[in-house]
């Protein structure tokens, strides 16, 4: 999902959206691997891991809220898309003319 920074017209998401390639648990286990290996007590290790996962989930949630312009119910996806396509089909964005010709090498 590119977002408006890359030229998208609309940024919407379902409430269950998760950005990124992996969830919070996977990211925490990868990022803090050495820290968890240094802790010998299993209970302390699990507590620290749960704390790090909660911190990571909070960061992900704040990014998701900042990223999407609107959250829509999954049941409203089809009507939303129909309305968006009808709105945007009349839109025309002019492109700049070429400044340079391709040179044959």
PDB file of N, CA and C in Angstrom:
ATOM      1  N   UNK A   1       0.831  -1.172   0.000  1.00  0.00           N
ATOM      2  CA  UNK A   1       0.000   0.000   0.000  1.00  0.00           C
ATOM      3  C   UNK A   1       0.875   1.234   0.000  1.00  0.00           C
ATOM      4  N   UNK A   2       0.920   1.922  -1.108  1.00  0.00           N
ATOM      5  CA  UNK A   2       1.885   2.992  -1.242  1.00  0.00           C
ATOM      6  C   UNK A   2       1.595   4.243  -0.439  1.00  0.00           C
ATOM      7  N   UNK A   3       0.348   4.594  -0.244  1.00  0.00           N
ATOM      8  CA  UNK A   3       0.046   5.821   0.469  1.00  0.00           C
ATOM      9  C   UNK A   3       0.062   7.020  -0.467  1.00  0.00           C
ATOM     10  N   UNK A   4      -0.384   8.152   0.031  1.00  0.00           N
ATOM     11  CA  UNK A   4      -0.466   9.349  -0.805  1.00  0.00           C
ATOM     12  C   UNK A   4       0.910   9.921  -1.097  1.00  0.00           C
ATOM     13  N   UNK A   5       1.915   9.572  -0.311  1.00  0.00           N
ATOM     14  CA  UNK A   5       3.254  10.107  -0.567  1.00  0.00           C
ATOM     15  C   UNK A   5       3.819   9.609  -1.883  1.00  0.00           C
ATOM     16  N   UNK A   6       3.336   8.472  -2.370  1.00  0.00           N
ATOM     17  CA  UNK A   6       3.802   7.944  -3.645  1.00  0.00           C
ATOM     18  C   UNK A   6       2.800   8.188  -4.765  1.00  0.00           C
ATOM     19  N   UNK A   7       1.855   9.053  -4.540  1.00  0.00           N
ATOM     20  CA  UNK A   7       0.944   9.427  -5.592  1.00  0.00           C
ATOM     21  C   UNK A   7      -0.405   8.743  -5.560  1.00  0.00           C
ATOM     22  N   UNK A   8      -0.739   8.040  -4.504  1.00  0.00           N
ATOM     23  CA  UNK A   8      -2.055   7.424  -4.400  1.00  0.00           C
ATOM     24  C   UNK A   8      -3.137   8.476  -4.223  1.00  0.00           C
ATOM     25  N   UNK A   9      -4.312   8.218  -4.768  1.00  0.00           N
ATOM     26  CA  UNK A   9      -5.405   9.177  -4.649  1.00  0.00           C
ATOM     27  C   UNK A   9      -6.170   9.021  -3.346  1.00  0.00           C
ATOM     28  N   UNK A  10      -6.362   7.786  -2.919  1.00  0.00           N
ATOM     29  CA  UNK A  10      -7.101   7.509  -1.691  1.00  0.00           C
ATOM     30  C   UNK A  10      -6.334   6.506  -0.849  1.00  0.00           C
ATOM     31  N   UNK A  11      -6.359   6.716   0.432  1.00  0.00           N
ATOM     32  CA  UNK A  11      -5.747   5.767   1.363  1.00  0.00           C
ATOM     33  C   UNK A  11      -6.791   5.360   2.376  1.00  0.00           C
ATOM     34  N   UNK A  12      -7.330   4.181   2.205  1.00  0.00           N
ATOM     35  CA  UNK A  12      -8.318   3.652   3.136  1.00  0.00           C
ATOM     36  C   UNK A  12      -7.863   2.274   3.569  1.00  0.00           C
ATOM     37  N   UNK A  13      -8.384   1.841   4.688  1.00  0.00           N
ATOM     38  CA  UNK A  13      -8.006   0.533   5.203  1.00  0.00           C
ATOM     39  C   UNK A  13      -9.148  -0.044   6.013  1.00  0.00           C
ATOM     40  N   UNK A  14      -9.113  -1.337   6.140  1.00  0.00           N
ATOM     41  CA  UNK A  14     -10.029  -2.000   7.057  1.00  0.00           C
ATOM     42  C   UNK A  14      -9.486  -1.812   8.473  1.00  0.00           C
ATOM     43  N   UNK A  15     -10.324  -1.914   9.487  1.00  0.00           N
ATOM     44  CA  UNK A  15      -9.839  -1.737  10.867  1.00  0.00           C
ATOM     45  C   UNK A  15      -8.801  -2.781  11.289  1.00  0.00           C
ATOM     46  N   UNK A  16      -8.727  -3.901  10.606  1.00  0.00           N
ATOM     47  CA  UNK A  16      -7.799  -4.971  10.995  1.00  0.00           C
ATOM     48  C   UNK A  16      -6.475  -4.903  10.242  1.00  0.00           C
ATOM     49  N   UNK A  17      -6.184  -3.770   9.608  1.00  0.00           N
ATOM     50  CA  UNK A  17      -4.977  -3.638   8.797  1.00  0.00           C
ATOM     51  C   UNK A  17      -3.726  -3.848   9.636  1.00  0.00           C
ATOM     52  N   UNK A  18      -2.725  -4.489   9.022  1.00  0.00           N
ATOM     53  CA  UNK A  18      -1.419  -4.628   9.643  1.00  0.00           C
ATOM     54  C   UNK A  18      -0.389  -4.249   8.597  1.00  0.00           C
ATOM     55  N   UNK A  19       0.361  -3.203   8.865  1.00  0.00           N
ATOM     56  CA  UNK A  19       1.406  -2.791   7.929  1.00  0.00           C
ATOM     57  C   UNK A  19       2.681  -3.523   8.244  1.00  0.00           C
ATOM     58  N   UNK A  20       3.473  -3.691   7.248  1.00  0.00           N
ATOM     59  CA  UNK A  20       4.769  -4.314   7.431  1.00  0.00           C
ATOM     60  C   UNK A  20       4.786  -5.737   6.906  1.00  0.00           C
ATOM     61  N   UNK A  21       5.956  -6.291   6.850  1.00  0.00           N
ATOM     62  CA  UNK A  21       6.129  -7.631   6.323  1.00  0.00           C
ATOM     63  C   UNK A  21       5.891  -8.708   7.363  1.00  0.00           C
ATOM     64  N   UNK A  22       6.010  -8.344   8.623  1.00  0.00           N
ATOM     65  CA  UNK A  22       5.794  -9.317   9.688  1.00  0.00           C
ATOM     66  C   UNK A  22       5.081  -8.640  10.842  1.00  0.00           C
ATOM     67  N   UNK A  23       4.482  -9.437  11.688  1.00  0.00           N
ATOM     68  CA  UNK A  23       3.793  -8.904  12.844  1.00  0.00           C
ATOM     69  C   UNK A  23       4.753  -8.475  13.930  1.00  0.00           C
ATOM     70  N   UNK A  24       4.189  -7.994  15.013  1.00  0.00           N
ATOM     71  CA  UNK A  24       5.009  -7.499  16.118  1.00  0.00           C
ATOM     72  C   UNK A  24       5.843  -8.609  16.751  1.00  0.00           C
ATOM     73  N   UNK A  25       5.264  -9.814  16.884  1.00  0.00           N
ATOM     74  CA  UNK A  25       5.992 -10.918  17.512  1.00  0.00           C
ATOM     75  C   UNK A  25       7.234 -11.289  16.699  1.00  0.00           C
ATOM     76  N   UNK A  26       7.070 -11.382  15.393  1.00  0.00           N
ATOM     77  CA  UNK A  26       8.203 -11.728  14.537  1.00  0.00           C
ATOM     78  C   UNK A  26       9.271 -10.654  14.552  1.00  0.00           C
ATOM     79  N   UNK A  27       8.856  -9.398  14.518  1.00  0.00           N
ATOM     80  CA  UNK A  27       9.819  -8.295  14.529  1.00  0.00           C
ATOM     81  C   UNK A  27      10.594  -8.251  15.834  1.00  0.00           C
ATOM     82  N   UNK A  28       9.895  -8.445  16.943  1.00  0.00           N
ATOM     83  CA  UNK A  28      10.559  -8.412  18.252  1.00  0.00           C
ATOM     84  C   UNK A  28      11.552  -9.557  18.382  1.00  0.00           C
ATOM     85  N   UNK A  29      11.161 -10.762  17.966  1.00  0.00           N
ATOM     86  CA  UNK A  29      12.066 -11.909  18.088  1.00  0.00           C
ATOM     87  C   UNK A  29      13.312 -11.719  17.223  1.00  0.00           C
ATOM     88  N   UNK A  30      13.195 -11.002  16.124  1.00  0.00           N
ATOM     89  CA  UNK A  30      14.333 -10.753  15.247  1.00  0.00           C
ATOM     90  C   UNK A  30      15.206  -9.619  15.772  1.00  0.00           C
ATOM     91  N   UNK A  31      14.580  -8.512  16.167  1.00  0.00           N
ATOM     92  CA  UNK A  31      15.325  -7.322  16.568  1.00  0.00           C
ATOM     93  C   UNK A  31      16.038  -7.522  17.911  1.00  0.00           C
ATOM     94  N   UNK A  32      15.352  -8.150  18.859  1.00  0.00           N
ATOM     95  CA  UNK A  32      15.896  -8.275  20.220  1.00  0.00           C
ATOM     96  C   UNK A  32      16.409  -9.680  20.513  1.00  0.00           C
ATOM     97  N   UNK A  33      16.835 -10.405  19.511  1.00  0.00           N
ATOM     98  CA  UNK A  33      17.272 -11.793  19.680  1.00  0.00           C
ATOM     99  C   UNK A  33      18.424 -11.914  20.690  1.00  0.00           C
ATOM    100  N   UNK A  34      19.446 -11.089  20.544  1.00  0.00           N
ATOM    101  CA  UNK A  34      20.605 -11.160  21.446  1.00  0.00           C
ATOM    102  C   UNK A  34      20.225 -10.781  22.875  1.00  0.00           C
ATOM    103  N   UNK A  35      19.354  -9.811  23.004  1.00  0.00           N
ATOM    104  CA  UNK A  35      18.911  -9.397  24.340  1.00  0.00           C
ATOM    105  C   UNK A  35      18.199 -10.549  25.038  1.00  0.00           C
ATOM    106  N   UNK A  36      17.351 -11.258  24.305  1.00  0.00           N
ATOM    107  CA  UNK A  36      16.617 -12.392  24.904  1.00  0.00           C
ATOM    108  C   UNK A  36      17.545 -13.563  25.193  1.00  0.00           C
ATOM    109  N   UNK A  37      18.555 -13.771  24.372  1.00  0.00           N
ATOM    110  CA  UNK A  37      19.506 -14.864  24.617  1.00  0.00           C
ATOM    111  C   UNK A  37      20.339 -14.604  25.864  1.00  0.00           C
ATOM    112  N   UNK A  38      20.566 -13.335  26.192  1.00  0.00           N
ATOM    113  CA  UNK A  38      21.377 -12.989  27.365  1.00  0.00           C
ATOM    114  C   UNK A  38      20.622 -13.229  28.670  1.00  0.00           C
ATOM    115  N   UNK A  39      19.292 -13.286  28.623  1.00  0.00           N
ATOM    116  CA  UNK A  39      18.499 -13.504  29.836  1.00  0.00           C
ATOM    117  C   UNK A  39      18.385 -15.010  30.070  1.00  0.00           C
ATOM    118  N   UNK A  40      18.836 -15.456  31.235  1.00  0.00           N
ATOM    119  CA  UNK A  40      18.849 -16.891  31.533  1.00  0.00           C
ATOM    120  C   UNK A  40      17.524 -17.376  32.127  1.00  0.00           C
ATOM    121  N   UNK A  41      16.900 -16.546  32.946  1.00  0.00           N
ATOM    122  CA  UNK A  41      15.638 -16.931  33.586  1.00  0.00           C
ATOM    123  C   UNK A  41      14.515 -16.916  32.547  1.00  0.00           C
ATOM    124  N   UNK A  42      13.845 -18.052  32.371  1.00  0.00           N
ATOM    125  CA  UNK A  42      12.808 -18.190  31.343  1.00  0.00           C
ATOM    126  C   UNK A  42      11.615 -17.278  31.615  1.00  0.00           C
ATOM    127  N   UNK A  43      11.211 -17.135  32.871  1.00  0.00           N
ATOM    128  CA  UNK A  43      10.077 -16.277  33.206  1.00  0.00           C
ATOM    129  C   UNK A  43      10.403 -14.812  32.903  1.00  0.00           C
ATOM    130  N   UNK A  44      11.610 -14.388  33.257  1.00  0.00           N
ATOM    131  CA  UNK A  44      12.029 -13.013  32.986  1.00  0.00           C
ATOM    132  C   UNK A  44      12.133 -12.778  31.475  1.00  0.00           C
ATOM    133  N   UNK A  45      12.580 -13.799  30.744  1.00  0.00           N
ATOM    134  CA  UNK A  45      12.698 -13.691  29.290  1.00  0.00           C
ATOM    135  C   UNK A  45      11.323 -13.509  28.649  1.00  0.00           C
ATOM    136  N   UNK A  46      10.352 -14.291  29.096  1.00  0.00           N
ATOM    137  CA  UNK A  46       8.994 -14.182  28.538  1.00  0.00           C
ATOM    138  C   UNK A  46       8.352 -12.850  28.893  1.00  0.00           C
ATOM    139  N   UNK A  47       8.612 -12.377  30.114  1.00  0.00           N
ATOM    140  CA  UNK A  47       8.068 -11.085  30.530  1.00  0.00           C
ATOM    141  C   UNK A  47       8.657  -9.953  29.687  1.00  0.00           C
ATOM    142  N   UNK A  48       9.974  -9.988  29.476  1.00  0.00           N
ATOM    143  CA  UNK A  48      10.636  -8.967  28.670  1.00  0.00           C
ATOM    144  C   UNK A  48      10.151  -9.023  27.221  1.00  0.00           C
ATOM    145  N   UNK A  49       9.949 -10.239  26.709  1.00  0.00           N
ATOM    146  CA  UNK A  49       9.472 -10.401  25.345  1.00  0.00           C
ATOM    147  C   UNK A  49       8.048  -9.854  25.204  1.00  0.00           C
ATOM    148  N   UNK A  50       7.196 -10.132  26.190  1.00  0.00           N
ATOM    149  CA  UNK A  50       5.821  -9.612  26.160  1.00  0.00           C
ATOM    150  C   UNK A  50       5.825  -8.085  26.205  1.00  0.00           C
ATOM    151  N   UNK A  51       6.737  -7.523  26.996  1.00  0.00           N
ATOM    152  CA  UNK A  51       6.848  -6.067  27.085  1.00  0.00           C
ATOM    153  C   UNK A  51       7.270  -5.471  25.738  1.00  0.00           C
ATOM    154  N   UNK A  52       8.265  -6.084  25.109  1.00  0.00           N
ATOM    155  CA  UNK A  52       8.745  -5.588  23.814  1.00  0.00           C
ATOM    156  C   UNK A  52       7.673  -5.727  22.727  1.00  0.00           C
ATOM    157  N   UNK A  53       6.910  -6.825  22.756  1.00  0.00           N
ATOM    158  CA  UNK A  53       5.839  -7.030  21.787  1.00  0.00           C
ATOM    159  C   UNK A  53       4.763  -5.956  21.960  1.00  0.00           C
ATOM    160  N   UNK A  54       4.402  -5.652  23.202  1.00  0.00           N
ATOM    161  CA  UNK A  54       3.399  -4.617  23.464  1.00  0.00           C
ATOM    162  C   UNK A  54       3.875  -3.255  22.954  1.00  0.00           C
ATOM    163  N   UNK A  55       5.165  -2.945  23.164  1.00  0.00           N
ATOM    164  CA  UNK A  55       5.715  -1.681  22.667  1.00  0.00           C
ATOM    165  C   UNK A  55       5.662  -1.631  21.139  1.00  0.00           C
ATOM    166  N   UNK A  56       6.019  -2.740  20.493  1.00  0.00           N
ATOM    167  CA  UNK A  56       6.037  -2.788  19.037  1.00  0.00           C
ATOM    168  C   UNK A  56       4.617  -2.680  18.473  1.00  0.00           C
ATOM    169  N   UNK A  57       3.658  -3.346  19.106  1.00  0.00           N
ATOM    170  CA  UNK A  57       2.274  -3.260  18.646  1.00  0.00           C
ATOM    171  C   UNK A  57       1.755  -1.831  18.758  1.00  0.00           C
ATOM    172  N   UNK A  58       2.130  -1.146  19.828  1.00  0.00           N
ATOM    173  CA  UNK A  58       1.713   0.242  19.998  1.00  0.00           C
ATOM    174  C   UNK A  58       2.288   1.116  18.884  1.00  0.00           C
ATOM    175  N   UNK A  59       3.549   0.880  18.512  1.00  0.00           N
ATOM    176  CA  UNK A  59       4.158   1.643  17.422  1.00  0.00           C
ATOM    177  C   UNK A  59       3.451   1.347  16.107  1.00  0.00           C
ATOM    178  N   UNK A  60       3.162   0.071  15.843  1.00  0.00           N
ATOM    179  CA  UNK A  60       2.472  -0.305  14.610  1.00  0.00           C
ATOM    180  C   UNK A  60       1.096   0.340  14.546  1.00  0.00           C
ATOM    181  N   UNK A  61       0.360   0.320  15.660  1.00  0.00           N
ATOM    182  CA  UNK A  61      -0.989   0.880  15.677  1.00  0.00           C
ATOM    183  C   UNK A  61      -0.976   2.380  15.411  1.00  0.00           C
ATOM    184  N   UNK A  62      -0.002   3.075  15.983  1.00  0.00           N
ATOM    185  CA  UNK A  62       0.062   4.521  15.743  1.00  0.00           C
ATOM    186  C   UNK A  62       0.418   4.810  14.287  1.00  0.00           C
ATOM    187  N   UNK A  63       1.296   4.011  13.694  1.00  0.00           N
ATOM    188  CA  UNK A  63       1.627   4.197  12.282  1.00  0.00           C
ATOM    189  C   UNK A  63       0.422   3.926  11.388  1.00  0.00           C
ATOM    190  N   UNK A  64      -0.351   2.901  11.727  1.00  0.00           N
ATOM    191  CA  UNK A  64      -1.528   2.568  10.933  1.00  0.00           C
ATOM    192  C   UNK A  64      -2.556   3.689  10.997  1.00  0.00           C
ATOM    193  N   UNK A  65      -2.728   4.292  12.150  1.00  0.00           N
ATOM    194  CA  UNK A  65      -3.695   5.371  12.302  1.00  0.00           C
ATOM    195  C   UNK A  65      -3.249   6.617  11.524  1.00  0.00           C
ATOM    196  N   UNK A  66      -1.955   6.890  11.516  1.00  0.00           N
ATOM    197  CA  UNK A  66      -1.447   8.041  10.776  1.00  0.00           C
ATOM    198  C   UNK A  66      -1.495   7.805   9.275  1.00  0.00           C
ATOM    199  N   UNK A  67      -1.343   6.557   8.862  1.00  0.00           N
ATOM    200  CA  UNK A  67      -1.221   6.225   7.452  1.00  0.00           C
ATOM    201  C   UNK A  67      -2.538   6.341   6.705  1.00  0.00           C
ATOM    202  N   UNK A  68      -3.596   5.796   7.241  1.00  0.00           N
ATOM    203  CA  UNK A  68      -4.861   5.733   6.513  1.00  0.00           C
ATOM    204  C   UNK A  68      -5.656   7.020   6.686  1.00  0.00           C
ATOM    205  N   UNK A  69      -6.250   7.468   5.599  1.00  0.00           N
ATOM    206  CA  UNK A  69      -7.124   8.634   5.667  1.00  0.00           C
ATOM    207  C   UNK A  69      -8.455   8.260   6.298  1.00  0.00           C
ATOM    208  N   UNK A  70      -8.880   7.026   6.059  1.00  0.00           N
ATOM    209  CA  UNK A  70     -10.187   6.594   6.535  1.00  0.00           C
ATOM    210  C   UNK A  70     -10.169   5.081   6.741  1.00  0.00           C
ATOM    211  N   UNK A  71     -10.871   4.631   7.761  1.00  0.00           N
ATOM    212  CA  UNK A  71     -11.060   3.198   7.986  1.00  0.00           C
ATOM    213  C   UNK A  71     -12.488   2.858   7.598  1.00  0.00           C
ATOM    214  N   UNK A  72     -12.644   1.829   6.782  1.00  0.00           N
ATOM    215  CA  UNK A  72     -13.976   1.434   6.338  1.00  0.00           C
ATOM    216  C   UNK A  72     -14.267   0.021   6.803  1.00  0.00           C
ATOM    217  N   UNK A  73     -15.525  -0.264   7.004  1.00  0.00           N
ATOM    218  CA  UNK A  73     -15.963  -1.604   7.364  1.00  0.00           C
ATOM    219  C   UNK A  73     -15.791  -2.509   6.139  1.00  0.00           C
ATOM    220  N   UNK A  74     -15.292  -3.729   6.319  1.00  0.00           N
ATOM    221  CA  UNK A  74     -15.115  -4.624   5.165  1.00  0.00           C
ATOM    222  C   UNK A  74     -16.395  -4.831   4.360  1.00  0.00           C
ATOM    223  N   UNK A  75     -17.550  -4.768   5.014  1.00  0.00           N
ATOM    224  CA  UNK A  75     -18.819  -4.937   4.297  1.00  0.00           C
ATOM    225  C   UNK A  75     -19.124  -3.756   3.381  1.00  0.00           C
ATOM    226  N   UNK A  76     -18.502  -2.614   3.629  1.00  0.00           N
ATOM    227  CA  UNK A  76     -18.729  -1.421   2.825  1.00  0.00           C
ATOM    228  C   UNK A  76     -17.695  -1.243   1.718  1.00  0.00           C
ATOM    229  N   UNK A  77     -16.848  -2.234   1.511  1.00  0.00           N
ATOM    230  CA  UNK A  77     -15.764  -2.098   0.540  1.00  0.00           C
ATOM    231  C   UNK A  77     -16.278  -1.919  -0.883  1.00  0.00           C
ATOM    232  N   UNK A  78     -17.197  -2.764  -1.315  1.00  0.00           N
ATOM    233  CA  UNK A  78     -17.692  -2.683  -2.690  1.00  0.00           C
ATOM    234  C   UNK A  78     -18.370  -1.344  -2.975  1.00  0.00           C
ATOM    235  N   UNK A  79     -19.312  -0.883  -2.136  1.00  0.00           N
ATOM    236  CA  UNK A  79     -19.908   0.434  -2.409  1.00  0.00           C
ATOM    237  C   UNK A  79     -18.883   1.567  -2.385  1.00  0.00           C
ATOM    238  N   UNK A  80     -17.909   1.464  -1.480  1.00  0.00           N
ATOM    239  CA  UNK A  80     -16.870   2.492  -1.419  1.00  0.00           C
ATOM    240  C   UNK A  80     -16.057   2.519  -2.705  1.00  0.00           C
ATOM    241  N   UNK A  81     -15.647   1.340  -3.198  1.00  0.00           N
ATOM    242  CA  UNK A  81     -14.863   1.284  -4.430  1.00  0.00           C
ATOM    243  C   UNK A  81     -15.649   1.800  -5.633  1.00  0.00           C
ATOM    244  N   UNK A  82     -16.910   1.466  -5.717  1.00  0.00           N
ATOM    245  CA  UNK A  82     -17.744   1.957  -6.825  1.00  0.00           C
ATOM    246  C   UNK A  82     -17.805   3.480  -6.794  1.00  0.00           C
ATOM    247  N   UNK A  83     -18.028   4.030  -5.618  1.00  0.00           N
ATOM    248  CA  UNK A  83     -18.100   5.486  -5.483  1.00  0.00           C
ATOM    249  C   UNK A  83     -16.751   6.133  -5.819  1.00  0.00           C
ATOM    250  N   UNK A  84     -15.655   5.524  -5.348  1.00  0.00           N
ATOM    251  CA  UNK A  84     -14.324   6.079  -5.595  1.00  0.00           C
ATOM    252  C   UNK A  84     -13.978   6.034  -7.080  1.00  0.00           C
ATOM    253  N   UNK A  85     -14.295   4.931  -7.746  1.00  0.00           N
ATOM    254  CA  UNK A  85     -13.996   4.815  -9.175  1.00  0.00           C
ATOM    255  C   UNK A  85     -14.813   5.820  -9.975  1.00  0.00           C
ATOM    256  N   UNK A  86     -16.080   5.968  -9.633  1.00  0.00           N
ATOM    257  CA  UNK A  86     -16.915   6.951 -10.334  1.00  0.00           C
ATOM    258  C   UNK A  86     -16.420   8.373 -10.109  1.00  0.00           C
ATOM    259  N   UNK A  87     -15.909   8.649  -8.937  1.00  0.00           N
ATOM    260  CA  UNK A  87     -15.388   9.980  -8.639  1.00  0.00           C
ATOM    261  C   UNK A  87     -14.082  10.241  -9.383  1.00  0.00           C
ATOM    262  N   UNK A  88     -13.217   9.236  -9.425  1.00  0.00           N
ATOM    263  CA  UNK A  88     -11.880   9.434  -9.983  1.00  0.00           C
ATOM    264  C   UNK A  88     -11.795   9.204 -11.490  1.00  0.00           C
ATOM    265  N   UNK A  89     -12.825   8.637 -12.114  1.00  0.00           N
ATOM    266  CA  UNK A  89     -12.714   8.351 -13.553  1.00  0.00           C
ATOM    267  C   UNK A  89     -12.699   9.627 -14.389  1.00  0.00           C
ATOM    268  N   UNK A  90     -13.218  10.718 -13.867  1.00  0.00           N
ATOM    269  CA  UNK A  90     -13.210  11.987 -14.587  1.00  0.00           C
ATOM    270  C   UNK A  90     -11.929  12.782 -14.335  1.00  0.00           C
ATOM    271  N   UNK A  91     -11.126  12.312 -13.427  1.00  0.00           N
ATOM    272  CA  UNK A  91      -9.912  13.037 -13.056  1.00  0.00           C
ATOM    273  C   UNK A  91      -8.856  12.859 -14.148  1.00  0.00           C
ATOM    274  N   UNK A  92      -8.198  13.954 -14.476  1.00  0.00           N
ATOM    275  CA  UNK A  92      -7.122  13.902 -15.454  1.00  0.00           C
ATOM    276  C   UNK A  92      -5.927  14.647 -14.882  1.00  0.00           C
ATOM    277  N   UNK A  93      -4.821  13.985 -14.862  1.00  0.00           N
ATOM    278  CA  UNK A  93      -3.601  14.596 -14.354  1.00  0.00           C
ATOM    279  C   UNK A  93      -2.634  14.738 -15.513  1.00  0.00           C
ATOM    280  N   UNK A  94      -2.317  15.958 -15.853  1.00  0.00           N
ATOM    281  CA  UNK A  94      -1.397  16.201 -16.962  1.00  0.00           C
ATOM    282  C   UNK A  94       0.010  15.773 -16.611  1.00  0.00           C
ATOM    283  N   UNK A  95       0.678  15.236 -17.586  1.00  0.00           N
ATOM    284  CA  UNK A  95       2.064  14.829 -17.397  1.00  0.00           C
ATOM    285  C   UNK A  95       2.983  15.814 -18.106  1.00  0.00           C
ATOM    286  N   UNK A  96       4.140  16.088 -17.530  1.00  0.00           N
ATOM    287  CA  UNK A  96       5.071  17.008 -18.197  1.00  0.00           C
ATOM    288  C   UNK A  96       5.629  16.372 -19.471  1.00  0.00           C
ATOM    289  N   UNK A  97       5.927  17.218 -20.437  1.00  0.00           N
ATOM    290  CA  UNK A  97       6.524  16.713 -21.662  1.00  0.00           C
ATOM    291  C   UNK A  97       7.958  16.300 -21.394  1.00  0.00           C
ATOM    292  N   UNK A  98       8.470  15.446 -22.268  1.00  0.00           N
ATOM    293  CA  UNK A  98       9.854  14.997 -22.107  1.00  0.00           C
ATOM    294  C   UNK A  98      10.824  16.158 -22.277  1.00  0.00           C
ATOM    295  N   UNK A  99      11.843  16.125 -21.467  1.00  0.00           N
ATOM    296  CA  UNK A  99      12.868  17.150 -21.582  1.00  0.00           C
ATOM    297  C   UNK A  99      13.983  16.712 -22.525  1.00  0.00           C
ATOM    298  N   UNK A 100      14.214  15.395 -22.542  1.00  0.00           N
ATOM    299  CA  UNK A 100      15.333  14.873 -23.332  1.00  0.00           C
ATOM    300  C   UNK A 100      14.876  13.688 -24.163  1.00  0.00           C
ATOM    301  N   UNK A 101      15.526  13.526 -25.267  1.00  0.00           N
ATOM    302  CA  UNK A 101      15.269  12.389 -26.133  1.00  0.00           C
ATOM    303  C   UNK A 101      16.189  11.235 -25.706  1.00  0.00           C
ATOM    304  N   UNK A 102      15.761  10.023 -25.898  1.00  0.00           N
ATOM    305  CA  UNK A 102      16.638   8.883 -25.640  1.00  0.00           C
ATOM    306  C   UNK A 102      17.728   8.853 -26.710  1.00  0.00           C
ATOM    307  N   UNK A 103      18.953   8.717 -26.300  1.00  0.00           N
ATOM    308  CA  UNK A 103      20.086   8.714 -27.229  1.00  0.00           C
ATOM    309  C   UNK A 103      20.402   7.283 -27.599  1.00  0.00           C
ATOM    310  N   UNK A 104      20.552   7.014 -28.880  1.00  0.00           N
ATOM    311  CA  UNK A 104      20.935   5.675 -29.330  1.00  0.00           C
ATOM    312  C   UNK A 104      22.415   5.461 -29.023  1.00  0.00           C
ATOM    313  N   UNK A 105      22.697   4.349 -28.425  1.00  0.00           N
ATOM    314  CA  UNK A 105      24.089   4.061 -28.101  1.00  0.00           C
ATOM    315  C   UNK A 105      24.619   2.945 -28.942  1.00  0.00           C
TER     316      UNK A 105
END
